[in-house]
Amino acid sequence: MKNAIAAAAVIAAVFAAAAAAQPGPSPPSPAYPPPPAYPPPGYPPPPGYPRPAMLPPPLPLAFVAPGLYLRGDAGAAFSADTRFRDTNFATPTLGPGVALTGDGGRSALYDVGIGARFLPFFRADITASCLPSLHFSGGDNIGAGSANTARIHSWVGLVNAYFDFPVLTIFGPMEPYLDVGLGAAISS
């Protein structure tokens, strides 16, 4: 019986040590409300706080009405290997078979237009362009040694259709497009 009492005491001591090693119930925490969203709605974030990546949509050059836009472009034109020949044989200027070949020079290029966006991926416009000051300098093809110069003014009218393909890149939003145009030019 002594052995049974000793064994029970050892088992009780082992269980008491194991029970003492267990953490007790934690005291109840005070009921604090959750923190509010930061920054609060309607307030701008403080400096250094990350902002959401939002870019404003691109604005047209001039706003006319929803979907309509005006455009204006400027640039330069370069002309090389320019060739002239007579097309009016009733009153020939150069003579039959004579052609002038040379350099057309360079000129400023001005362009204005009005257009509209019809669908998110389709827009069209009408443009008028002017090359006011090309300067031709060249010679004839018959070897007479004549040097010829001329000042050329050119007007171009186009109807253009654009198919837009907006994409988001690592550099930000980009909008490549396919352009189809039909028009006419008058040079004098």
C-alpha atoms as a PDB file:
ATOM      1  CA  MET A   1       0.000   0.000   0.000  1.00  0.00           C
ATOM      2  CA  LYS A   2       2.910   2.246   0.699  1.00  0.00           C
ATOM      3  CA  ASN A   3       4.053   1.721  -2.856  1.00  0.00           C
ATOM      4  CA  ALA A   4       0.619   2.631  -4.222  1.00  0.00           C
ATOM      5  CA  ILE A   5       0.560   5.838  -2.170  1.00  0.00           C
ATOM      6  CA  ALA A   6       4.075   6.720  -3.334  1.00  0.00           C
ATOM      7  CA  ALA A   7       3.140   6.045  -6.969  1.00  0.00           C
ATOM      8  CA  ALA A   8       0.028   8.204  -6.656  1.00  0.00           C
ATOM      9  CA  ALA A   9       2.112  10.999  -5.100  1.00  0.00           C
ATOM     10  CA  VAL A  10       4.633  10.822  -7.966  1.00  0.00           C
ATOM     11  CA  ILE A  11       1.846  10.908 -10.580  1.00  0.00           C
ATOM     12  CA  ALA A  12       0.193  13.845  -8.794  1.00  0.00           C
ATOM     13  CA  ALA A  13       3.518  15.693  -8.666  1.00  0.00           C
ATOM     14  CA  VAL A  14       4.103  15.125 -12.413  1.00  0.00           C
ATOM     15  CA  PHE A  15       0.590  16.340 -13.282  1.00  0.00           C
ATOM     16  CA  ALA A  16       0.957  19.353 -10.969  1.00  0.00           C
ATOM     17  CA  ALA A  17       4.245  20.321 -12.642  1.00  0.00           C
ATOM     18  CA  ALA A  18       2.658  19.965 -16.101  1.00  0.00           C
ATOM     19  CA  ALA A  19      -0.351  22.010 -15.032  1.00  0.00           C
ATOM     20  CA  ALA A  20       1.881  24.743 -13.615  1.00  0.00           C
ATOM     21  CA  ALA A  21       3.762  24.944 -16.921  1.00  0.00           C
ATOM     22  CA  GLN A  22       0.507  25.637 -18.860  1.00  0.00           C
ATOM     23  CA  PRO A  23      -0.323  29.340 -19.278  1.00  0.00           C
ATOM     24  CA  GLY A  24      -3.392  30.411 -17.476  1.00  0.00           C
ATOM     25  CA  PRO A  25      -6.306  32.212 -19.014  1.00  0.00           C
ATOM     26  CA  SER A  26      -5.346  35.689 -20.140  1.00  0.00           C
ATOM     27  CA  PRO A  27      -7.051  38.589 -18.478  1.00  0.00           C
ATOM     28  CA  PRO A  28      -9.827  40.149 -20.552  1.00  0.00           C
ATOM     29  CA  SER A  29      -8.566  42.924 -22.803  1.00  0.00           C
ATOM     30  CA  PRO A  30     -10.292  46.276 -22.711  1.00  0.00           C
ATOM     31  CA  ALA A  31     -12.827  46.687 -25.533  1.00  0.00           C
ATOM     32  CA  TYR A  32     -11.224  49.378 -27.704  1.00  0.00           C
ATOM     33  CA  PRO A  33     -12.832  50.230 -31.040  1.00  0.00           C
ATOM     34  CA  PRO A  34     -10.770  49.405 -34.160  1.00  0.00           C
ATOM     35  CA  PRO A  35      -8.645  52.276 -35.476  1.00  0.00           C
ATOM     36  CA  PRO A  36     -10.293  54.420 -38.204  1.00  0.00           C
ATOM     37  CA  ALA A  37      -9.171  54.138 -41.795  1.00  0.00           C
ATOM     38  CA  TYR A  38      -6.186  56.374 -42.482  1.00  0.00           C
ATOM     39  CA  PRO A  39      -6.391  58.889 -43.955  1.00  0.00           C
ATOM     40  CA  PRO A  40     -10.042  59.552 -43.140  1.00  0.00           C
ATOM     41  CA  PRO A  41     -12.296  59.793 -46.200  1.00  0.00           C
ATOM     42  CA  GLY A  42     -12.245  63.256 -47.747  1.00  0.00           C
ATOM     43  CA  TYR A  43      -8.812  64.196 -46.408  1.00  0.00           C
ATOM     44  CA  PRO A  44      -5.629  64.109 -48.497  1.00  0.00           C
ATOM     45  CA  PRO A  45      -2.912  61.731 -47.321  1.00  0.00           C
ATOM     46  CA  PRO A  46       0.029  63.310 -45.490  1.00  0.00           C
ATOM     47  CA  PRO A  47       3.388  63.775 -47.257  1.00  0.00           C
ATOM     48  CA  GLY A  48       5.230  60.507 -47.675  1.00  0.00           C
ATOM     49  CA  TYR A  49       2.053  58.416 -47.431  1.00  0.00           C
ATOM     50  CA  PRO A  50       1.691  56.274 -50.579  1.00  0.00           C
ATOM     51  CA  ARG A  51      -0.976  57.554 -52.925  1.00  0.00           C
ATOM     52  CA  PRO A  52      -2.991  55.348 -55.267  1.00  0.00           C
ATOM     53  CA  ALA A  53      -1.684  55.395 -58.831  1.00  0.00           C
ATOM     54  CA  MET A  54      -4.347  57.356 -60.729  1.00  0.00           C
ATOM     55  CA  LEU A  55      -3.574  59.426 -63.806  1.00  0.00           C
ATOM     56  CA  PRO A  56      -6.018  61.935 -65.255  1.00  0.00           C
ATOM     57  CA  PRO A  57      -7.217  61.242 -68.784  1.00  0.00           C
ATOM     58  CA  PRO A  58      -5.387  63.176 -71.518  1.00  0.00           C
ATOM     59  CA  LEU A  59      -7.086  66.425 -72.467  1.00  0.00           C
ATOM     60  CA  PRO A  60      -7.565  67.507 -76.080  1.00  0.00           C
ATOM     61  CA  LEU A  61      -5.834  70.644 -77.336  1.00  0.00           C
ATOM     62  CA  ALA A  62      -9.138  72.543 -77.303  1.00  0.00           C
ATOM     63  CA  PHE A  63     -12.457  71.355 -75.881  1.00  0.00           C
ATOM     64  CA  VAL A  64     -15.418  72.020 -78.166  1.00  0.00           C
ATOM     65  CA  ALA A  65     -18.133  69.563 -77.070  1.00  0.00           C
ATOM     66  CA  PRO A  66     -18.195  65.994 -75.760  1.00  0.00           C
ATOM     67  CA  GLY A  67     -16.382  63.856 -78.314  1.00  0.00           C
ATOM     68  CA  LEU A  68     -15.274  66.803 -80.509  1.00  0.00           C
ATOM     69  CA  TYR A  69     -11.729  68.168 -80.618  1.00  0.00           C
ATOM     70  CA  LEU A  70      -9.586  70.704 -82.468  1.00  0.00           C
ATOM     71  CA  ARG A  71      -6.002  69.940 -83.384  1.00  0.00           C
ATOM     72  CA  GLY A  72      -2.993  71.941 -84.460  1.00  0.00           C
ATOM     73  CA  ASP A  73       0.403  70.604 -85.503  1.00  0.00           C
ATOM     74  CA  ALA A  74       3.691  72.128 -86.582  1.00  0.00           C
ATOM     75  CA  GLY A  75       6.745  70.484 -88.061  1.00  0.00           C
ATOM     76  CA  ALA A  76       9.156  70.492 -90.958  1.00  0.00           C
ATOM     77  CA  ALA A  77       9.223  68.933 -94.421  1.00  0.00           C
ATOM     78  CA  PHE A  78      12.290  67.870 -96.396  1.00  0.00           C
ATOM     79  CA  SER A  79      12.244  67.115-100.125  1.00  0.00           C
ATOM     80  CA  ALA A  80      15.016  65.458-102.126  1.00  0.00           C
ATOM     81  CA  ASP A  81      15.089  63.937-105.616  1.00  0.00           C
ATOM     82  CA  THR A  82      12.248  66.136-106.854  1.00  0.00           C
ATOM     83  CA  ARG A  83      11.319  65.643-110.535  1.00  0.00           C
ATOM     84  CA  PHE A  84       9.189  67.851-112.824  1.00  0.00           C
ATOM     85  CA  ARG A  85       7.991  67.129-116.363  1.00  0.00           C
ATOM     86  CA  ASP A  86       5.438  68.651-118.730  1.00  0.00           C
ATOM     87  CA  THR A  87       1.928  67.229-118.595  1.00  0.00           C
ATOM     88  CA  ASN A  88       0.293  69.866-120.828  1.00  0.00           C
ATOM     89  CA  PHE A  89       1.565  69.107-124.322  1.00  0.00           C
ATOM     90  CA  ALA A  90      -0.669  71.718-125.981  1.00  0.00           C
ATOM     91  CA  THR A  91       1.518  74.514-124.597  1.00  0.00           C
ATOM     92  CA  PRO A  92       4.746  72.839-123.480  1.00  0.00           C
ATOM     93  CA  THR A  93       6.925  74.768-121.082  1.00  0.00           C
ATOM     94  CA  LEU A  94       9.873  72.396-120.881  1.00  0.00           C
ATOM     95  CA  GLY A  95       9.436  70.621-124.177  1.00  0.00           C
ATOM     96  CA  PRO A  96       8.663  67.003-125.008  1.00  0.00           C
ATOM     97  CA  GLY A  97      10.792  64.539-123.032  1.00  0.00           C
ATOM     98  CA  VAL A  98      12.454  67.235-120.925  1.00  0.00           C
ATOM     99  CA  ALA A  99      12.364  66.811-117.159  1.00  0.00           C
ATOM    100  CA  LEU A 100      13.850  68.795-114.302  1.00  0.00           C
ATOM    101  CA  THR A 101      15.482  66.909-111.421  1.00  0.00           C
ATOM    102  CA  GLY A 102      16.852  68.405-108.229  1.00  0.00           C
ATOM    103  CA  ASP A 103      16.419  69.125-104.564  1.00  0.00           C
ATOM    104  CA  GLY A 104      13.110  70.523-103.290  1.00  0.00           C
ATOM    105  CA  GLY A 105      14.658  71.971-100.121  1.00  0.00           C
ATOM    106  CA  ARG A 106      12.896  72.225 -96.795  1.00  0.00           C
ATOM    107  CA  SER A 107       9.914  74.090 -95.388  1.00  0.00           C
ATOM    108  CA  ALA A 108       7.909  74.564 -92.240  1.00  0.00           C
ATOM    109  CA  LEU A 109       4.737  72.479 -92.044  1.00  0.00           C
ATOM    110  CA  TYR A 110       1.497  73.740 -90.455  1.00  0.00           C
ATOM    111  CA  ASP A 111      -1.609  71.649 -89.875  1.00  0.00           C
ATOM    112  CA  VAL A 112      -5.071  72.357 -88.392  1.00  0.00           C
ATOM    113  CA  GLY A 113      -8.078  70.100 -88.062  1.00  0.00           C
ATOM    114  CA  ILE A 114     -11.339  69.227 -86.350  1.00  0.00           C
ATOM    115  CA  GLY A 115     -12.418  65.751 -85.348  1.00  0.00           C
ATOM    116  CA  ALA A 116     -14.656  63.613 -83.178  1.00  0.00           C
ATOM    117  CA  ARG A 117     -14.392  60.421 -81.131  1.00  0.00           C
ATOM    118  CA  PHE A 118     -17.248  58.113 -82.138  1.00  0.00           C
ATOM    119  CA  LEU A 119     -16.317  55.038 -80.071  1.00  0.00           C
ATOM    120  CA  PRO A 120     -13.748  54.510 -77.309  1.00  0.00           C
ATOM    121  CA  PHE A 121     -11.388  53.013 -79.906  1.00  0.00           C
ATOM    122  CA  PHE A 122     -12.408  54.972 -83.065  1.00  0.00           C
ATOM    123  CA  ARG A 123     -12.073  58.667 -83.980  1.00  0.00           C
ATOM    124  CA  ALA A 124     -11.922  60.632 -87.227  1.00  0.00           C
ATOM    125  CA  ASP A 125     -10.863  64.128 -88.274  1.00  0.00           C
ATOM    126  CA  ILE A 126     -10.488  66.478 -91.243  1.00  0.00           C
ATOM    127  CA  THR A 127      -7.163  68.317 -91.574  1.00  0.00           C
ATOM    128  CA  ALA A 128      -5.650  71.001 -93.775  1.00  0.00           C
ATOM    129  CA  SER A 129      -1.858  71.319 -94.096  1.00  0.00           C
ATOM    130  CA  CYS A 130       0.377  73.965 -95.639  1.00  0.00           C
ATOM    131  CA  LEU A 131       4.017  73.836 -96.764  1.00  0.00           C
ATOM    132  CA  PRO A 132       4.649  77.515 -97.526  1.00  0.00           C
ATOM    133  CA  SER A 133       8.259  77.641 -98.667  1.00  0.00           C
ATOM    134  CA  LEU A 134       9.855  74.754-100.518  1.00  0.00           C
ATOM    135  CA  HIS A 135      12.674  75.986-102.791  1.00  0.00           C
ATOM    136  CA  PHE A 136      13.488  73.791-105.814  1.00  0.00           C
ATOM    137  CA  SER A 137      16.975  73.868-107.295  1.00  0.00           C
ATOM    138  CA  GLY A 138      18.006  71.516-110.103  1.00  0.00           C
ATOM    139  CA  GLY A 139      18.827  70.931-113.744  1.00  0.00           C
ATOM    140  CA  ASP A 140      17.325  69.353-116.855  1.00  0.00           C
ATOM    141  CA  ASN A 141      17.864  65.860-118.247  1.00  0.00           C
ATOM    142  CA  ILE A 142      19.091  66.901-121.722  1.00  0.00           C
ATOM    143  CA  GLY A 143      22.467  68.141-120.572  1.00  0.00           C
ATOM    144  CA  ALA A 144      21.966  71.739-121.710  1.00  0.00           C
ATOM    145  CA  GLY A 145      23.510  72.868-118.432  1.00  0.00           C
ATOM    146  CA  SER A 146      20.562  74.992-117.411  1.00  0.00           C
ATOM    147  CA  ALA A 147      20.089  75.656-113.704  1.00  0.00           C
ATOM    148  CA  ASN A 148      16.492  76.016-112.633  1.00  0.00           C
ATOM    149  CA  THR A 149      15.038  77.328-109.382  1.00  0.00           C
ATOM    150  CA  ALA A 150      11.451  77.651-108.208  1.00  0.00           C
ATOM    151  CA  ARG A 151       9.506  78.429-105.054  1.00  0.00           C
ATOM    152  CA  ILE A 152       6.810  75.848-104.286  1.00  0.00           C
ATOM    153  CA  HIS A 153       3.692  76.288-102.107  1.00  0.00           C
ATOM    154  CA  SER A 154       1.774  73.134-101.240  1.00  0.00           C
ATOM    155  CA  TRP A 155      -1.678  72.669 -99.660  1.00  0.00           C
ATOM    156  CA  VAL A 156      -2.910  69.266 -98.465  1.00  0.00           C
ATOM    157  CA  GLY A 157      -6.416  68.252 -97.337  1.00  0.00           C
ATOM    158  CA  LEU A 158      -7.014  64.897 -95.608  1.00  0.00           C
ATOM    159  CA  VAL A 159      -9.842  62.894 -94.061  1.00  0.00           C
ATOM    160  CA  ASN A 160      -8.316  60.604 -91.398  1.00  0.00           C
ATOM    161  CA  ALA A 161      -9.652  57.650 -89.391  1.00  0.00           C
ATOM    162  CA  TYR A 162      -7.832  56.469 -86.252  1.00  0.00           C
ATOM    163  CA  PHE A 163      -8.140  53.112 -84.487  1.00  0.00           C
ATOM    164  CA  ASP A 164      -6.778  53.471 -80.919  1.00  0.00           C
ATOM    165  CA  PHE A 165      -5.270  50.640 -78.857  1.00  0.00           C
ATOM    166  CA  PRO A 166      -4.821  51.931 -75.271  1.00  0.00           C
ATOM    167  CA  VAL A 167      -2.323  49.927 -73.199  1.00  0.00           C
ATOM    168  CA  LEU A 168      -0.887  50.251 -69.719  1.00  0.00           C
ATOM    169  CA  THR A 169       2.915  49.955 -69.629  1.00  0.00           C
ATOM    170  CA  ILE A 170       5.533  50.228 -66.909  1.00  0.00           C
ATOM    171  CA  PHE A 171       5.970  53.855 -68.052  1.00  0.00           C
ATOM    172  CA  GLY A 172       2.270  54.638 -67.674  1.00  0.00           C
ATOM    173  CA  PRO A 173      -0.685  54.590 -70.064  1.00  0.00           C
ATOM    174  CA  MET A 174       0.104  54.799 -73.791  1.00  0.00           C
ATOM    175  CA  GLU A 175      -2.204  54.866 -76.798  1.00  0.00           C
ATOM    176  CA  PRO A 176      -0.730  53.525 -80.027  1.00  0.00           C
ATOM    177  CA  TYR A 177      -3.025  53.932 -83.036  1.00  0.00           C
ATOM    178  CA  LEU A 178      -3.500  52.949 -86.668  1.00  0.00           C
ATOM    179  CA  ASP A 179      -4.218  55.887 -89.020  1.00  0.00           C
ATOM    180  CA  VAL A 180      -5.874  55.648 -92.437  1.00  0.00           C
ATOM    181  CA  GLY A 181      -6.190  58.841 -94.509  1.00  0.00           C
ATOM    182  CA  LEU A 182      -7.470  59.925 -97.904  1.00  0.00           C
ATOM    183  CA  GLY A 183      -6.879  63.337 -99.427  1.00  0.00           C
ATOM    184  CA  ALA A 184      -5.488  65.576-102.118  1.00  0.00           C
ATOM    185  CA  ALA A 185      -2.655  68.095-102.531  1.00  0.00           C
ATOM    186  CA  ILE A 186      -2.215  71.183-104.695  1.00  0.00           C
ATOM    187  CA  SER A 187       1.245  72.604-105.340  1.00  0.00           C
ATOM    188  CA  SER A 188       1.978  75.866-107.140  1.00  0.00           C
END
